[in-house]
C-alpha atoms as a PDB file:
ATOM      1  CA  MET A   1     -22.876 -23.692  12.746  1.00  0.00           C
ATOM      2  CA  GLN A   2     -25.084 -24.011  15.804  1.00  0.00           C
ATOM      3  CA  ASN A   3     -23.151 -27.016  17.154  1.00  0.00           C
ATOM      4  CA  ALA A   4     -19.716 -25.978  15.955  1.00  0.00           C
ATOM      5  CA  ILE A   5     -16.897 -25.677  18.451  1.00  0.00           C
ATOM      6  CA  ILE A   6     -14.762 -22.760  17.341  1.00  0.00           C
ATOM      7  CA  PHE A   7     -11.247 -22.014  18.490  1.00  0.00           C
ATOM      8  CA  ILE A   8      -9.467 -18.864  17.437  1.00  0.00           C
ATOM      9  CA  ALA A   9      -5.735 -18.947  17.970  1.00  0.00           C
ATOM     10  CA  LEU A  10      -3.189 -16.396  16.839  1.00  0.00           C
ATOM     11  CA  ARG A  11       0.574 -16.431  16.582  1.00  0.00           C
ATOM     12  CA  GLN A  12       2.698 -13.352  16.980  1.00  0.00           C
ATOM     13  CA  PRO A  13       2.803 -11.303  13.731  1.00  0.00           C
ATOM     14  CA  GLU A  14       6.499 -11.701  12.836  1.00  0.00           C
ATOM     15  CA  PRO A  15       6.691 -15.518  12.773  1.00  0.00           C
ATOM     16  CA  THR A  16       3.271 -15.676  11.122  1.00  0.00           C
ATOM     17  CA  ILE A  17       4.257 -13.344   8.284  1.00  0.00           C
ATOM     18  CA  LYS A  18       7.537 -15.221   7.805  1.00  0.00           C
ATOM     19  CA  SER A  19       5.566 -18.472   7.613  1.00  0.00           C
ATOM     20  CA  ILE A  20       3.161 -17.017   5.031  1.00  0.00           C
ATOM     21  CA  ILE A  21       6.102 -15.869   2.893  1.00  0.00           C
ATOM     22  CA  LYS A  22       7.773 -19.280   3.127  1.00  0.00           C
ATOM     23  CA  LEU A  23       4.561 -21.124   2.257  1.00  0.00           C
ATOM     24  CA  PHE A  24       3.801 -19.003  -0.796  1.00  0.00           C
ATOM     25  CA  ARG A  25       7.424 -18.984  -2.003  1.00  0.00           C
ATOM     26  CA  GLN A  26       7.197 -22.765  -2.179  1.00  0.00           C
ATOM     27  CA  LYS A  27       4.423 -22.263  -4.722  1.00  0.00           C
ATOM     28  CA  SER A  28       5.883 -19.344  -6.676  1.00  0.00           C
ATOM     29  CA  THR A  29       8.236 -16.454  -5.967  1.00  0.00           C
ATOM     30  CA  ASP A  30       5.934 -14.320  -8.138  1.00  0.00           C
ATOM     31  CA  ASP A  31       2.993 -14.832  -5.794  1.00  0.00           C
ATOM     32  CA  LEU A  32       1.941 -11.602  -4.091  1.00  0.00           C
ATOM     33  CA  TYR A  33       1.984 -13.313  -0.682  1.00  0.00           C
ATOM     34  CA  ALA A  34       5.567 -14.509  -1.236  1.00  0.00           C
ATOM     35  CA  GLN A  35       6.723 -10.932  -0.592  1.00  0.00           C
ATOM     36  CA  PRO A  36       6.747  -9.188   2.818  1.00  0.00           C
ATOM     37  CA  THR A  37       4.244  -6.482   1.854  1.00  0.00           C
ATOM     38  CA  GLY A  38       1.779  -8.942   0.325  1.00  0.00           C
ATOM     39  CA  ALA A  39       2.144 -11.370   3.224  1.00  0.00           C
ATOM     40  CA  THR A  40       1.562  -8.560   5.720  1.00  0.00           C
ATOM     41  CA  ASP A  41      -1.563  -7.436   3.857  1.00  0.00           C
ATOM     42  CA  TYR A  42      -2.791 -11.050   3.816  1.00  0.00           C
ATOM     43  CA  TYR A  43      -2.156 -11.371   7.568  1.00  0.00           C
ATOM     44  CA  LEU A  44      -3.998  -8.117   8.284  1.00  0.00           C
ATOM     45  CA  GLU A  45      -6.984  -9.232   6.200  1.00  0.00           C
ATOM     46  CA  ARG A  46      -7.118 -12.487   8.162  1.00  0.00           C
ATOM     47  CA  LEU A  47      -7.091 -10.503  11.415  1.00  0.00           C
ATOM     48  CA  LYS A  48      -9.918  -8.279  10.161  1.00  0.00           C
ATOM     49  CA  THR A  49     -11.952 -11.346   9.227  1.00  0.00           C
ATOM     50  CA  LEU A  50     -11.405 -12.930  12.650  1.00  0.00           C
ATOM     51  CA  SER A  51     -12.213  -9.646  14.380  1.00  0.00           C
ATOM     52  CA  SER A  52     -15.434  -9.300  12.406  1.00  0.00           C
ATOM     53  CA  PHE A  53     -16.425 -12.870  13.249  1.00  0.00           C
ATOM     54  CA  ALA A  54     -15.671 -12.314  16.936  1.00  0.00           C
ATOM     55  CA  GLN A  55     -17.784  -9.154  17.020  1.00  0.00           C
ATOM     56  CA  GLN A  56     -20.703 -10.823  15.238  1.00  0.00           C
ATOM     57  CA  HIS A  57     -20.565 -13.999  17.331  1.00  0.00           C
ATOM     58  CA  PRO A  58     -19.590 -13.170  20.897  1.00  0.00           C
ATOM     59  CA  GLN A  59     -19.418 -16.162  23.220  1.00  0.00           C
ATOM     60  CA  ARG A  60     -19.302 -18.555  20.220  1.00  0.00           C
ATOM     61  CA  TYR A  61     -15.560 -19.108  20.213  1.00  0.00           C
ATOM     62  CA  TYR A  62     -12.633 -19.690  22.514  1.00  0.00           C
ATOM     63  CA  TYR A  63      -9.569 -17.534  21.907  1.00  0.00           C
ATOM     64  CA  PHE A  64      -5.995 -18.378  22.904  1.00  0.00           C
ATOM     65  CA  ASP A  65      -2.491 -17.371  21.912  1.00  0.00           C
ATOM     66  CA  THR A  66      -0.831 -20.208  20.007  1.00  0.00           C
ATOM     67  CA  GLU A  67       2.258 -19.972  22.212  1.00  0.00           C
ATOM     68  CA  LYS A  68       0.168 -21.440  25.028  1.00  0.00           C
ATOM     69  CA  VAL A  69       0.101 -24.763  23.188  1.00  0.00           C
ATOM     70  CA  CYS A  70       3.829 -25.142  23.909  1.00  0.00           C
ATOM     71  CA  THR A  71       4.336 -22.993  27.006  1.00  0.00           C
ATOM     72  CA  ASP A  72       1.263 -23.879  29.082  1.00  0.00           C
ATOM     73  CA  THR A  73      -0.103 -27.024  27.438  1.00  0.00           C
ATOM     74  CA  ASP A  74      -1.767 -28.693  30.409  1.00  0.00           C
ATOM     75  CA  ARG A  75      -3.557 -25.564  31.579  1.00  0.00           C
ATOM     76  CA  LEU A  76      -4.707 -24.679  28.057  1.00  0.00           C
ATOM     77  CA  LEU A  77      -6.035 -28.181  27.433  1.00  0.00           C
ATOM     78  CA  SER A  78      -7.861 -28.104  30.763  1.00  0.00           C
ATOM     79  CA  GLN A  79      -9.447 -24.755  29.853  1.00  0.00           C
ATOM     80  CA  LEU A  80     -10.451 -26.056  26.421  1.00  0.00           C
ATOM     81  CA  GLN A  81     -11.911 -29.200  27.992  1.00  0.00           C
ATOM     82  CA  GLN A  82     -14.006 -27.074  30.342  1.00  0.00           C
ATOM     83  CA  TRP A  83     -15.116 -24.712  27.567  1.00  0.00           C
ATOM     84  CA  ILE A  84     -16.156 -27.608  25.338  1.00  0.00           C
ATOM     85  CA  GLY A  85     -17.861 -29.276  28.293  1.00  0.00           C
ATOM     86  CA  ILE A  86     -16.416 -32.748  27.980  1.00  0.00           C
ATOM     87  CA  ALA A  87     -15.446 -35.122  30.777  1.00  0.00           C
ATOM     88  CA  GLU A  88     -12.542 -36.810  28.986  1.00  0.00           C
ATOM     89  CA  PRO A  89      -9.255 -34.888  29.364  1.00  0.00           C
ATOM     90  CA  LEU A  90      -7.734 -33.627  26.131  1.00  0.00           C
ATOM     91  CA  SER A  91      -4.426 -35.208  25.196  1.00  0.00           C
ATOM     92  CA  PRO A  92      -1.294 -33.187  24.445  1.00  0.00           C
ATOM     93  CA  GLU A  93      -0.474 -35.707  21.680  1.00  0.00           C
ATOM     94  CA  TYR A  94      -1.353 -34.595  18.161  1.00  0.00           C
ATOM     95  CA  GLY A  95      -0.382 -35.073  14.537  1.00  0.00           C
ATOM     96  CA  SER A  96       0.644 -32.522  11.988  1.00  0.00           C
ATOM     97  CA  PHE A  97       0.102 -32.166   8.269  1.00  0.00           C
ATOM     98  CA  ALA A  98       2.195 -30.842   5.383  1.00  0.00           C
ATOM     99  CA  LYS A  99       0.643 -27.355   5.691  1.00  0.00           C
ATOM    100  CA  THR A 100       0.619 -27.253   9.501  1.00  0.00           C
END
């Protein structure tokens, strides 16, 4: 993990919880995370895990709000480029996957 480049990005809670519910309902409506309460608990556990990591590893990650990817792309990519320490500008072009 010494050479890892770590980004922590969070979405707002409401769309995130809705996304969790949708994802797990595709698997099974009986899944605990397919219900609002279970999805909220899952989201909160993820936040606790990220918070614990951040406290244990200060200065090892770069945090940004996911909305910045769409609302302030060029500035965010410039900041990430600087944080990573690379000369080549990061491109706003990217691919997505089935679970993205």
